[in-house]
Amino acid sequence: MDITTVDMPYKEYIVSDHVDATMKAFNHTARRVRYEFPNGWGASVVMGDLFYSNNDSGLYEACPTKNDQLCYGAIDLNNDDVYGYLNDEELYILLTKILAKEK
């Protein structure tokens, strides 16, 4: 799968979507998509060699954000890390939970 053609959900909330040139310089491919939702929350979703993801099978690493800062326990108080190796459905569920969160 070519990560530059992955169809990402919630397109109306994407504020940044790019292949990281710095990573390419080190022979790693990475893509980051940032979401900002009307409730003030957002998400950082990455796919690349150095993340909890897999370019070949379309798995993602994601984390809720607030003011563009990672908020590890925002959805699950027992989670103190990013959400890794998410498939499309798991990513959609996480994004939906973030979108539904109160301000």
PDB file of N, CA and C in Angstrom:
ATOM      1  N   MET A   1       0.840  -1.178   0.000  1.00  0.00           N
ATOM      2  CA  MET A   1       0.000   0.000   0.000  1.00  0.00           C
ATOM      3  C   MET A   1       0.887   1.244   0.000  1.00  0.00           C
ATOM      4  N   ASP A   2       0.570   2.191  -0.830  1.00  0.00           N
ATOM      5  CA  ASP A   2       1.295   3.460  -0.901  1.00  0.00           C
ATOM      6  C   ASP A   2       0.657   4.423   0.095  1.00  0.00           C
ATOM      7  N   ILE A   3       1.409   4.832   1.114  1.00  0.00           N
ATOM      8  CA  ILE A   3       0.803   5.659   2.153  1.00  0.00           C
ATOM      9  C   ILE A   3       0.365   7.024   1.652  1.00  0.00           C
ATOM     10  N   THR A   4       0.825   7.448   0.511  1.00  0.00           N
ATOM     11  CA  THR A   4       0.388   8.750   0.002  1.00  0.00           C
ATOM     12  C   THR A   4      -1.007   8.680  -0.600  1.00  0.00           C
ATOM     13  N   THR A   5      -1.572   7.473  -0.738  1.00  0.00           N
ATOM     14  CA  THR A   5      -2.910   7.353  -1.309  1.00  0.00           C
ATOM     15  C   THR A   5      -3.919   6.780  -0.323  1.00  0.00           C
ATOM     16  N   VAL A   6      -3.543   6.658   0.952  1.00  0.00           N
ATOM     17  CA  VAL A   6      -4.468   6.145   1.949  1.00  0.00           C
ATOM     18  C   VAL A   6      -5.612   7.133   2.114  1.00  0.00           C
ATOM     19  N   ASP A   7      -6.849   6.636   2.064  1.00  0.00           N
ATOM     20  CA  ASP A   7      -8.021   7.478   2.230  1.00  0.00           C
ATOM     21  C   ASP A   7      -8.305   7.635   3.721  1.00  0.00           C
ATOM     22  N   MET A   8      -8.122   8.829   4.257  1.00  0.00           N
ATOM     23  CA  MET A   8      -8.285   9.064   5.680  1.00  0.00           C
ATOM     24  C   MET A   8      -9.708   9.521   5.998  1.00  0.00           C
ATOM     25  N   PRO A   9     -10.241   9.140   7.160  1.00  0.00           N
ATOM     26  CA  PRO A   9     -11.595   9.529   7.548  1.00  0.00           C
ATOM     27  C   PRO A   9     -11.657  10.982   8.020  1.00  0.00           C
ATOM     28  N   TYR A  10     -12.884  11.473   8.148  1.00  0.00           N
ATOM     29  CA  TYR A  10     -13.115  12.801   8.703  1.00  0.00           C
ATOM     30  C   TYR A  10     -12.338  13.882   7.962  1.00  0.00           C
ATOM     31  N   LYS A  11     -12.377  13.831   6.642  1.00  0.00           N
ATOM     32  CA  LYS A  11     -11.580  14.757   5.824  1.00  0.00           C
ATOM     33  C   LYS A  11     -11.843  16.226   6.148  1.00  0.00           C
ATOM     34  N   GLU A  12     -13.078  16.556   6.532  1.00  0.00           N
ATOM     35  CA  GLU A  12     -13.394  17.955   6.809  1.00  0.00           C
ATOM     36  C   GLU A  12     -12.652  18.504   8.014  1.00  0.00           C
ATOM     37  N   TYR A  13     -12.066  17.642   8.833  1.00  0.00           N
ATOM     38  CA  TYR A  13     -11.350  18.081  10.025  1.00  0.00           C
ATOM     39  C   TYR A  13      -9.835  17.993   9.891  1.00  0.00           C
ATOM     40  N   ILE A  14      -9.333  17.602   8.729  1.00  0.00           N
ATOM     41  CA  ILE A  14      -7.888  17.494   8.533  1.00  0.00           C
ATOM     42  C   ILE A  14      -7.287  18.885   8.377  1.00  0.00           C
ATOM     43  N   VAL A  15      -6.281  19.193   9.196  1.00  0.00           N
ATOM     44  CA  VAL A  15      -5.605  20.484   9.104  1.00  0.00           C
ATOM     45  C   VAL A  15      -4.179  20.338   8.580  1.00  0.00           C
ATOM     46  N   SER A  16      -3.670  19.130   8.556  1.00  0.00           N
ATOM     47  CA  SER A  16      -2.326  18.892   8.054  1.00  0.00           C
ATOM     48  C   SER A  16      -2.244  17.446   7.585  1.00  0.00           C
ATOM     49  N   ASP A  17      -1.678  17.259   6.421  1.00  0.00           N
ATOM     50  CA  ASP A  17      -1.545  15.919   5.848  1.00  0.00           C
ATOM     51  C   ASP A  17      -0.321  15.935   4.956  1.00  0.00           C
ATOM     52  N   HIS A  18       0.755  15.312   5.409  1.00  0.00           N
ATOM     53  CA  HIS A  18       1.975  15.369   4.615  1.00  0.00           C
ATOM     54  C   HIS A  18       2.886  14.163   4.864  1.00  0.00           C
ATOM     55  N   VAL A  19       3.728  13.915   3.899  1.00  0.00           N
ATOM     56  CA  VAL A  19       4.800  12.932   4.056  1.00  0.00           C
ATOM     57  C   VAL A  19       5.985  13.697   4.626  1.00  0.00           C
ATOM     58  N   ASP A  20       6.544  13.199   5.699  1.00  0.00           N
ATOM     59  CA  ASP A  20       7.609  13.886   6.416  1.00  0.00           C
ATOM     60  C   ASP A  20       8.927  13.802   5.644  1.00  0.00           C
ATOM     61  N   ALA A  21       9.415  14.936   5.161  1.00  0.00           N
ATOM     62  CA  ALA A  21      10.642  14.996   4.366  1.00  0.00           C
ATOM     63  C   ALA A  21      11.873  14.645   5.201  1.00  0.00           C
ATOM     64  N   THR A  22      11.867  14.998   6.482  1.00  0.00           N
ATOM     65  CA  THR A  22      12.993  14.680   7.349  1.00  0.00           C
ATOM     66  C   THR A  22      13.180  13.173   7.453  1.00  0.00           C
ATOM     67  N   MET A  23      12.082  12.450   7.606  1.00  0.00           N
ATOM     68  CA  MET A  23      12.153  10.998   7.694  1.00  0.00           C
ATOM     69  C   MET A  23      12.669  10.405   6.385  1.00  0.00           C
ATOM     70  N   LYS A  24      12.254  10.993   5.256  1.00  0.00           N
ATOM     71  CA  LYS A  24      12.701  10.479   3.962  1.00  0.00           C
ATOM     72  C   LYS A  24      14.217  10.597   3.822  1.00  0.00           C
ATOM     73  N   ALA A  25      14.806  11.625   4.414  1.00  0.00           N
ATOM     74  CA  ALA A  25      16.254  11.823   4.333  1.00  0.00           C
ATOM     75  C   ALA A  25      17.006  10.677   5.001  1.00  0.00           C
ATOM     76  N   PHE A  26      16.363  10.016   5.962  1.00  0.00           N
ATOM     77  CA  PHE A  26      16.981   8.884   6.659  1.00  0.00           C
ATOM     78  C   PHE A  26      16.460   7.546   6.133  1.00  0.00           C
ATOM     79  N   ASN A  27      15.915   7.551   4.913  1.00  0.00           N
ATOM     80  CA  ASN A  27      15.375   6.359   4.267  1.00  0.00           C
ATOM     81  C   ASN A  27      14.209   5.742   5.030  1.00  0.00           C
ATOM     82  N   HIS A  28      13.451   6.556   5.741  1.00  0.00           N
ATOM     83  CA  HIS A  28      12.221   6.125   6.397  1.00  0.00           C
ATOM     84  C   HIS A  28      11.084   6.907   5.764  1.00  0.00           C
ATOM     85  N   THR A  29       9.964   6.255   5.610  1.00  0.00           N
ATOM     86  CA  THR A  29       8.798   6.937   5.081  1.00  0.00           C
ATOM     87  C   THR A  29       7.797   7.118   6.213  1.00  0.00           C
ATOM     88  N   ALA A  30       7.318   8.322   6.390  1.00  0.00           N
ATOM     89  CA  ALA A  30       6.334   8.590   7.430  1.00  0.00           C
ATOM     90  C   ALA A  30       5.310   9.584   6.903  1.00  0.00           C
ATOM     91  N   ARG A  31       4.102   9.404   7.356  1.00  0.00           N
ATOM     92  CA  ARG A  31       3.033  10.327   7.007  1.00  0.00           C
ATOM     93  C   ARG A  31       2.311  10.684   8.295  1.00  0.00           C
ATOM     94  N   ARG A  32       2.014  11.969   8.450  1.00  0.00           N
ATOM     95  CA  ARG A  32       1.281  12.434   9.626  1.00  0.00           C
ATOM     96  C   ARG A  32       0.050  13.195   9.159  1.00  0.00           C
ATOM     97  N   VAL A  33      -1.064  12.862   9.770  1.00  0.00           N
ATOM     98  CA  VAL A  33      -2.305  13.583   9.528  1.00  0.00           C
ATOM     99  C   VAL A  33      -2.763  14.137  10.867  1.00  0.00           C
ATOM    100  N   ARG A  34      -3.044  15.431  10.892  1.00  0.00           N
ATOM    101  CA  ARG A  34      -3.549  16.077  12.108  1.00  0.00           C
ATOM    102  C   ARG A  34      -5.008  16.437  11.909  1.00  0.00           C
ATOM    103  N   TYR A  35      -5.806  16.121  12.903  1.00  0.00           N
ATOM    104  CA  TYR A  35      -7.224  16.460  12.897  1.00  0.00           C
ATOM    105  C   TYR A  35      -7.488  17.479  13.985  1.00  0.00           C
ATOM    106  N   GLU A  36      -8.393  18.417  13.732  1.00  0.00           N
ATOM    107  CA  GLU A  36      -8.891  19.340  14.751  1.00  0.00           C
ATOM    108  C   GLU A  36     -10.406  19.305  14.666  1.00  0.00           C
ATOM    109  N   PHE A  37     -11.053  19.003  15.802  1.00  0.00           N
ATOM    110  CA  PHE A  37     -12.501  18.873  15.846  1.00  0.00           C
ATOM    111  C   PHE A  37     -13.133  20.109  16.485  1.00  0.00           C
ATOM    112  N   PRO A  38     -14.423  20.370  16.212  1.00  0.00           N
ATOM    113  CA  PRO A  38     -15.092  21.560  16.758  1.00  0.00           C
ATOM    114  C   PRO A  38     -15.124  21.608  18.292  1.00  0.00           C
ATOM    115  N   ASN A  39     -14.981  20.481  18.959  1.00  0.00           N
ATOM    116  CA  ASN A  39     -15.010  20.451  20.425  1.00  0.00           C
ATOM    117  C   ASN A  39     -13.670  20.857  21.061  1.00  0.00           C
ATOM    118  N   GLY A  40     -12.697  21.247  20.232  1.00  0.00           N
ATOM    119  CA  GLY A  40     -11.391  21.662  20.748  1.00  0.00           C
ATOM    120  C   GLY A  40     -10.373  20.541  20.834  1.00  0.00           C
ATOM    121  N   TRP A  41     -10.820  19.317  20.653  1.00  0.00           N
ATOM    122  CA  TRP A  41      -9.922  18.167  20.655  1.00  0.00           C
ATOM    123  C   TRP A  41      -9.455  17.877  19.242  1.00  0.00           C
ATOM    124  N   GLY A  42      -8.467  17.032  19.122  1.00  0.00           N
ATOM    125  CA  GLY A  42      -7.968  16.641  17.815  1.00  0.00           C
ATOM    126  C   GLY A  42      -7.295  15.290  17.913  1.00  0.00           C
ATOM    127  N   ALA A  43      -6.574  14.943  16.866  1.00  0.00           N
ATOM    128  CA  ALA A  43      -5.848  13.680  16.849  1.00  0.00           C
ATOM    129  C   ALA A  43      -4.633  13.817  15.959  1.00  0.00           C
ATOM    130  N   SER A  44      -3.592  13.115  16.330  1.00  0.00           N
ATOM    131  CA  SER A  44      -2.416  12.980  15.500  1.00  0.00           C
ATOM    132  C   SER A  44      -2.367  11.517  15.076  1.00  0.00           C
ATOM    133  N   VAL A  45      -2.377  11.293  13.764  1.00  0.00           N
ATOM    134  CA  VAL A  45      -2.341   9.935  13.229  1.00  0.00           C
ATOM    135  C   VAL A  45      -1.094   9.823  12.362  1.00  0.00           C
ATOM    136  N   VAL A  46      -0.270   8.833  12.649  1.00  0.00           N
ATOM    137  CA  VAL A  46       0.962   8.646  11.893  1.00  0.00           C
ATOM    138  C   VAL A  46       1.033   7.222  11.350  1.00  0.00           C
ATOM    139  N   MET A  47       1.778   7.103  10.281  1.00  0.00           N
ATOM    140  CA  MET A  47       2.058   5.805   9.685  1.00  0.00           C
ATOM    141  C   MET A  47       3.485   5.879   9.181  1.00  0.00           C
ATOM    142  N   GLY A  48       4.313   4.958   9.612  1.00  0.00           N
ATOM    143  CA  GLY A  48       5.693   4.976   9.156  1.00  0.00           C
ATOM    144  C   GLY A  48       6.536   3.928   9.839  1.00  0.00           C
ATOM    145  N   ASP A  49       7.768   3.853   9.401  1.00  0.00           N
ATOM    146  CA  ASP A  49       8.697   2.829   9.867  1.00  0.00           C
ATOM    147  C   ASP A  49       8.991   2.900  11.366  1.00  0.00           C
ATOM    148  N   LEU A  50       9.040   4.080  11.923  1.00  0.00           N
ATOM    149  CA  LEU A  50       9.477   4.241  13.308  1.00  0.00           C
ATOM    150  C   LEU A  50       8.329   4.396  14.296  1.00  0.00           C
ATOM    151  N   PHE A  51       7.122   4.066  13.881  1.00  0.00           N
ATOM    152  CA  PHE A  51       5.946   4.223  14.732  1.00  0.00           C
ATOM    153  C   PHE A  51       5.292   2.874  14.971  1.00  0.00           C
ATOM    154  N   TYR A  52       4.304   2.845  15.865  1.00  0.00           N
ATOM    155  CA  TYR A  52       3.521   1.633  16.101  1.00  0.00           C
ATOM    156  C   TYR A  52       2.512   1.496  14.972  1.00  0.00           C
ATOM    157  N   SER A  53       3.017   1.245  13.780  1.00  0.00           N
ATOM    158  CA  SER A  53       2.182   1.151  12.587  1.00  0.00           C
ATOM    159  C   SER A  53       2.859   0.213  11.601  1.00  0.00           C
ATOM    160  N   ASN A  54       2.207   0.026  10.479  1.00  0.00           N
ATOM    161  CA  ASN A  54       2.759  -0.856   9.465  1.00  0.00           C
ATOM    162  C   ASN A  54       2.318  -0.349   8.100  1.00  0.00           C
ATOM    163  N   ASN A  55       3.260   0.175   7.325  1.00  0.00           N
ATOM    164  CA  ASN A  55       2.930   0.731   6.012  1.00  0.00           C
ATOM    165  C   ASN A  55       2.295  -0.299   5.088  1.00  0.00           C
ATOM    166  N   ASP A  56       2.790  -1.521   5.129  1.00  0.00           N
ATOM    167  CA  ASP A  56       2.350  -2.533   4.178  1.00  0.00           C
ATOM    168  C   ASP A  56       0.927  -3.012   4.422  1.00  0.00           C
ATOM    169  N   SER A  57       0.486  -3.043   5.672  1.00  0.00           N
ATOM    170  CA  SER A  57      -0.850  -3.552   5.950  1.00  0.00           C
ATOM    171  C   SER A  57      -1.829  -2.453   6.340  1.00  0.00           C
ATOM    172  N   GLY A  58      -1.426  -1.190   6.276  1.00  0.00           N
ATOM    173  CA  GLY A  58      -2.337  -0.086   6.534  1.00  0.00           C
ATOM    174  C   GLY A  58      -2.723   0.090   7.981  1.00  0.00           C
ATOM    175  N   LEU A  59      -1.796  -0.153   8.910  1.00  0.00           N
ATOM    176  CA  LEU A  59      -2.070   0.053  10.328  1.00  0.00           C
ATOM    177  C   LEU A  59      -1.518   1.402  10.766  1.00  0.00           C
ATOM    178  N   TYR A  60      -2.184   2.023  11.747  1.00  0.00           N
ATOM    179  CA  TYR A  60      -1.869   3.389  12.146  1.00  0.00           C
ATOM    180  C   TYR A  60      -1.496   3.476  13.615  1.00  0.00           C
ATOM    181  N   GLU A  61      -0.773   4.543  13.955  1.00  0.00           N
ATOM    182  CA  GLU A  61      -0.561   4.948  15.340  1.00  0.00           C
ATOM    183  C   GLU A  61      -1.322   6.254  15.513  1.00  0.00           C
ATOM    184  N   ALA A  62      -2.061   6.392  16.604  1.00  0.00           N
ATOM    185  CA  ALA A  62      -2.858   7.597  16.812  1.00  0.00           C
ATOM    186  C   ALA A  62      -2.834   8.014  18.276  1.00  0.00           C
ATOM    187  N   CYS A  63      -3.068   9.297  18.504  1.00  0.00           N
ATOM    188  CA  CYS A  63      -3.154   9.816  19.859  1.00  0.00           C
ATOM    189  C   CYS A  63      -4.062  11.041  19.867  1.00  0.00           C
ATOM    190  N   PRO A  64      -4.953  11.148  20.864  1.00  0.00           N
ATOM    191  CA  PRO A  64      -5.749  12.369  21.010  1.00  0.00           C
ATOM    192  C   PRO A  64      -4.844  13.561  21.284  1.00  0.00           C
ATOM    193  N   THR A  65      -5.285  14.730  20.848  1.00  0.00           N
ATOM    194  CA  THR A  65      -4.529  15.963  21.085  1.00  0.00           C
ATOM    195  C   THR A  65      -5.455  17.058  21.608  1.00  0.00           C
ATOM    196  N   LYS A  66      -4.880  17.996  22.288  1.00  0.00           N
ATOM    197  CA  LYS A  66      -5.557  19.224  22.727  1.00  0.00           C
ATOM    198  C   LYS A  66      -4.520  20.322  22.574  1.00  0.00           C
ATOM    199  N   ASN A  67      -4.851  21.369  21.820  1.00  0.00           N
ATOM    200  CA  ASN A  67      -3.897  22.444  21.529  1.00  0.00           C
ATOM    201  C   ASN A  67      -2.620  21.889  20.902  1.00  0.00           C
ATOM    202  N   ASP A  68      -2.781  20.901  20.039  1.00  0.00           N
ATOM    203  CA  ASP A  68      -1.693  20.229  19.316  1.00  0.00           C
ATOM    204  C   ASP A  68      -0.683  19.558  20.247  1.00  0.00           C
ATOM    205  N   GLN A  69      -1.090  19.251  21.480  1.00  0.00           N
ATOM    206  CA  GLN A  69      -0.264  18.501  22.428  1.00  0.00           C
ATOM    207  C   GLN A  69      -0.885  17.118  22.614  1.00  0.00           C
ATOM    208  N   LEU A  70      -0.057  16.085  22.644  1.00  0.00           N
ATOM    209  CA  LEU A  70      -0.562  14.730  22.837  1.00  0.00           C
ATOM    210  C   LEU A  70      -1.194  14.589  24.219  1.00  0.00           C
ATOM    211  N   CYS A  71      -2.351  13.948  24.282  1.00  0.00           N
ATOM    212  CA  CYS A  71      -3.088  13.736  25.534  1.00  0.00           C
ATOM    213  C   CYS A  71      -3.356  12.248  25.687  1.00  0.00           C
ATOM    214  N   TYR A  72      -2.414  11.537  26.249  1.00  0.00           N
ATOM    215  CA  TYR A  72      -2.448  10.078  26.265  1.00  0.00           C
ATOM    216  C   TYR A  72      -3.684   9.490  26.939  1.00  0.00           C
ATOM    217  N   GLY A  73      -4.103   9.993  28.073  1.00  0.00           N
ATOM    218  CA  GLY A  73      -5.219   9.397  28.812  1.00  0.00           C
ATOM    219  C   GLY A  73      -6.565  10.024  28.525  1.00  0.00           C
ATOM    220  N   ALA A  74      -6.705  10.753  27.456  1.00  0.00           N
ATOM    221  CA  ALA A  74      -7.934  11.500  27.189  1.00  0.00           C
ATOM    222  C   ALA A  74      -9.140  10.607  26.912  1.00  0.00           C
ATOM    223  N   ILE A  75      -8.953   9.460  26.332  1.00  0.00           N
ATOM    224  CA  ILE A  75     -10.060   8.564  26.004  1.00  0.00           C
ATOM    225  C   ILE A  75     -10.138   7.413  26.998  1.00  0.00           C
ATOM    226  N   ASP A  76      -9.020   6.845  27.343  1.00  0.00           N
ATOM    227  CA  ASP A  76      -8.944   5.717  28.268  1.00  0.00           C
ATOM    228  C   ASP A  76      -7.958   6.089  29.364  1.00  0.00           C
ATOM    229  N   LEU A  77      -8.473   6.301  30.563  1.00  0.00           N
ATOM    230  CA  LEU A  77      -7.608   6.743  31.663  1.00  0.00           C
ATOM    231  C   LEU A  77      -6.507   5.741  31.980  1.00  0.00           C
ATOM    232  N   ASN A  78      -6.690   4.492  31.579  1.00  0.00           N
ATOM    233  CA  ASN A  78      -5.673   3.464  31.825  1.00  0.00           C
ATOM    234  C   ASN A  78      -4.607   3.426  30.742  1.00  0.00           C
ATOM    235  N   ASN A  79      -4.772   4.240  29.711  1.00  0.00           N
ATOM    236  CA  ASN A  79      -3.817   4.238  28.602  1.00  0.00           C
ATOM    237  C   ASN A  79      -2.861   5.415  28.758  1.00  0.00           C
ATOM    238  N   ASP A  80      -1.591   5.143  28.937  1.00  0.00           N
ATOM    239  CA  ASP A  80      -0.607   6.214  29.088  1.00  0.00           C
ATOM    240  C   ASP A  80       0.368   6.249  27.917  1.00  0.00           C
ATOM    241  N   ASP A  81      -0.119   5.806  26.760  1.00  0.00           N
ATOM    242  CA  ASP A  81       0.716   5.779  25.568  1.00  0.00           C
ATOM    243  C   ASP A  81      -0.174   6.038  24.358  1.00  0.00           C
ATOM    244  N   VAL A  82       0.425   6.053  23.204  1.00  0.00           N
ATOM    245  CA  VAL A  82      -0.336   6.198  21.966  1.00  0.00           C
ATOM    246  C   VAL A  82      -1.091   4.897  21.694  1.00  0.00           C
ATOM    247  N   TYR A  83      -2.054   4.964  20.777  1.00  0.00           N
ATOM    248  CA  TYR A  83      -2.775   3.773  20.331  1.00  0.00           C
ATOM    249  C   TYR A  83      -2.055   3.258  19.090  1.00  0.00           C
ATOM    250  N   GLY A  84      -1.503   2.063  19.185  1.00  0.00           N
ATOM    251  CA  GLY A  84      -0.709   1.546  18.086  1.00  0.00           C
ATOM    252  C   GLY A  84      -1.368   0.420  17.326  1.00  0.00           C
ATOM    253  N   TYR A  85      -0.924   0.253  16.095  1.00  0.00           N
ATOM    254  CA  TYR A  85      -1.346  -0.821  15.202  1.00  0.00           C
ATOM    255  C   TYR A  85      -2.861  -0.872  15.043  1.00  0.00           C
ATOM    256  N   LEU A  86      -3.473   0.306  14.838  1.00  0.00           N
ATOM    257  CA  LEU A  86      -4.926   0.392  14.632  1.00  0.00           C
ATOM    258  C   LEU A  86      -5.265   0.106  13.184  1.00  0.00           C
ATOM    259  N   ASN A  87      -6.270  -0.728  12.957  1.00  0.00           N
ATOM    260  CA  ASN A  87      -6.769  -0.896  11.591  1.00  0.00           C
ATOM    261  C   ASN A  87      -7.751   0.233  11.299  1.00  0.00           C
ATOM    262  N   ASP A  88      -8.296   0.287  10.106  1.00  0.00           N
ATOM    263  CA  ASP A  88      -9.197   1.377   9.724  1.00  0.00           C
ATOM    264  C   ASP A  88     -10.368   1.513  10.693  1.00  0.00           C
ATOM    265  N   GLU A  89     -11.019   0.400  11.025  1.00  0.00           N
ATOM    266  CA  GLU A  89     -12.188   0.444  11.905  1.00  0.00           C
ATOM    267  C   GLU A  89     -11.821   0.953  13.297  1.00  0.00           C
ATOM    268  N   GLU A  90     -10.718   0.476  13.845  1.00  0.00           N
ATOM    269  CA  GLU A  90     -10.281   0.928  15.170  1.00  0.00           C
ATOM    270  C   GLU A  90      -9.930   2.410  15.157  1.00  0.00           C
ATOM    271  N   LEU A  91      -9.316   2.867  14.077  1.00  0.00           N
ATOM    272  CA  LEU A  91      -8.997   4.287  13.953  1.00  0.00           C
ATOM    273  C   LEU A  91     -10.272   5.119  13.890  1.00  0.00           C
ATOM    274  N   TYR A  92     -11.260   4.691  13.109  1.00  0.00           N
ATOM    275  CA  TYR A  92     -12.536   5.419  13.009  1.00  0.00           C
ATOM    276  C   TYR A  92     -13.206   5.493  14.375  1.00  0.00           C
ATOM    277  N   ILE A  93     -13.179   4.394  15.129  1.00  0.00           N
ATOM    278  CA  ILE A  93     -13.793   4.383  16.460  1.00  0.00           C
ATOM    279  C   ILE A  93     -13.087   5.368  17.384  1.00  0.00           C
ATOM    280  N   LEU A  94     -11.751   5.372  17.374  1.00  0.00           N
ATOM    281  CA  LEU A  94     -11.000   6.310  18.211  1.00  0.00           C
ATOM    282  C   LEU A  94     -11.304   7.749  17.812  1.00  0.00           C
ATOM    283  N   LEU A  95     -11.309   8.049  16.516  1.00  0.00           N
ATOM    284  CA  LEU A  95     -11.612   9.412  16.062  1.00  0.00           C
ATOM    285  C   LEU A  95     -13.027   9.814  16.454  1.00  0.00           C
ATOM    286  N   THR A  96     -13.972   8.888  16.386  1.00  0.00           N
ATOM    287  CA  THR A  96     -15.354   9.178  16.776  1.00  0.00           C
ATOM    288  C   THR A  96     -15.438   9.490  18.266  1.00  0.00           C
ATOM    289  N   LYS A  97     -14.707   8.743  19.101  1.00  0.00           N
ATOM    290  CA  LYS A  97     -14.687   9.016  20.540  1.00  0.00           C
ATOM    291  C   LYS A  97     -14.105  10.393  20.838  1.00  0.00           C
ATOM    292  N   ILE A  98     -13.059  10.765  20.101  1.00  0.00           N
ATOM    293  CA  ILE A  98     -12.451  12.091  20.296  1.00  0.00           C
ATOM    294  C   ILE A  98     -13.418  13.174  19.846  1.00  0.00           C
ATOM    295  N   LEU A  99     -14.059  12.974  18.720  1.00  0.00           N
ATOM    296  CA  LEU A  99     -15.027  13.950  18.190  1.00  0.00           C
ATOM    297  C   LEU A  99     -16.207  14.131  19.145  1.00  0.00           C
ATOM    298  N   ALA A 100     -16.613  13.059  19.830  1.00  0.00           N
ATOM    299  CA  ALA A 100     -17.762  13.111  20.742  1.00  0.00           C
ATOM    300  C   ALA A 100     -17.408  13.614  22.143  1.00  0.00           C
ATOM    301  N   LYS A 101     -16.124  13.787  22.400  1.00  0.00           N
ATOM    302  CA  LYS A 101     -15.686  14.243  23.732  1.00  0.00           C
ATOM    303  C   LYS A 101     -16.160  15.656  24.012  1.00  0.00           C
ATOM    304  N   GLU A 102     -16.496  15.913  25.264  1.00  0.00           N
ATOM    305  CA  GLU A 102     -16.904  17.266  25.649  1.00  0.00           C
ATOM    306  C   GLU A 102     -15.686  18.184  25.683  1.00  0.00           C
ATOM    307  N   LYS A 103     -15.955  19.487  25.522  1.00  0.00           N
ATOM    308  CA  LYS A 103     -14.866  20.477  25.548  1.00  0.00           C
ATOM    309  C   LYS A 103     -14.199  20.461  26.845  1.00  0.00           C
TER     310      LYS A 103
END
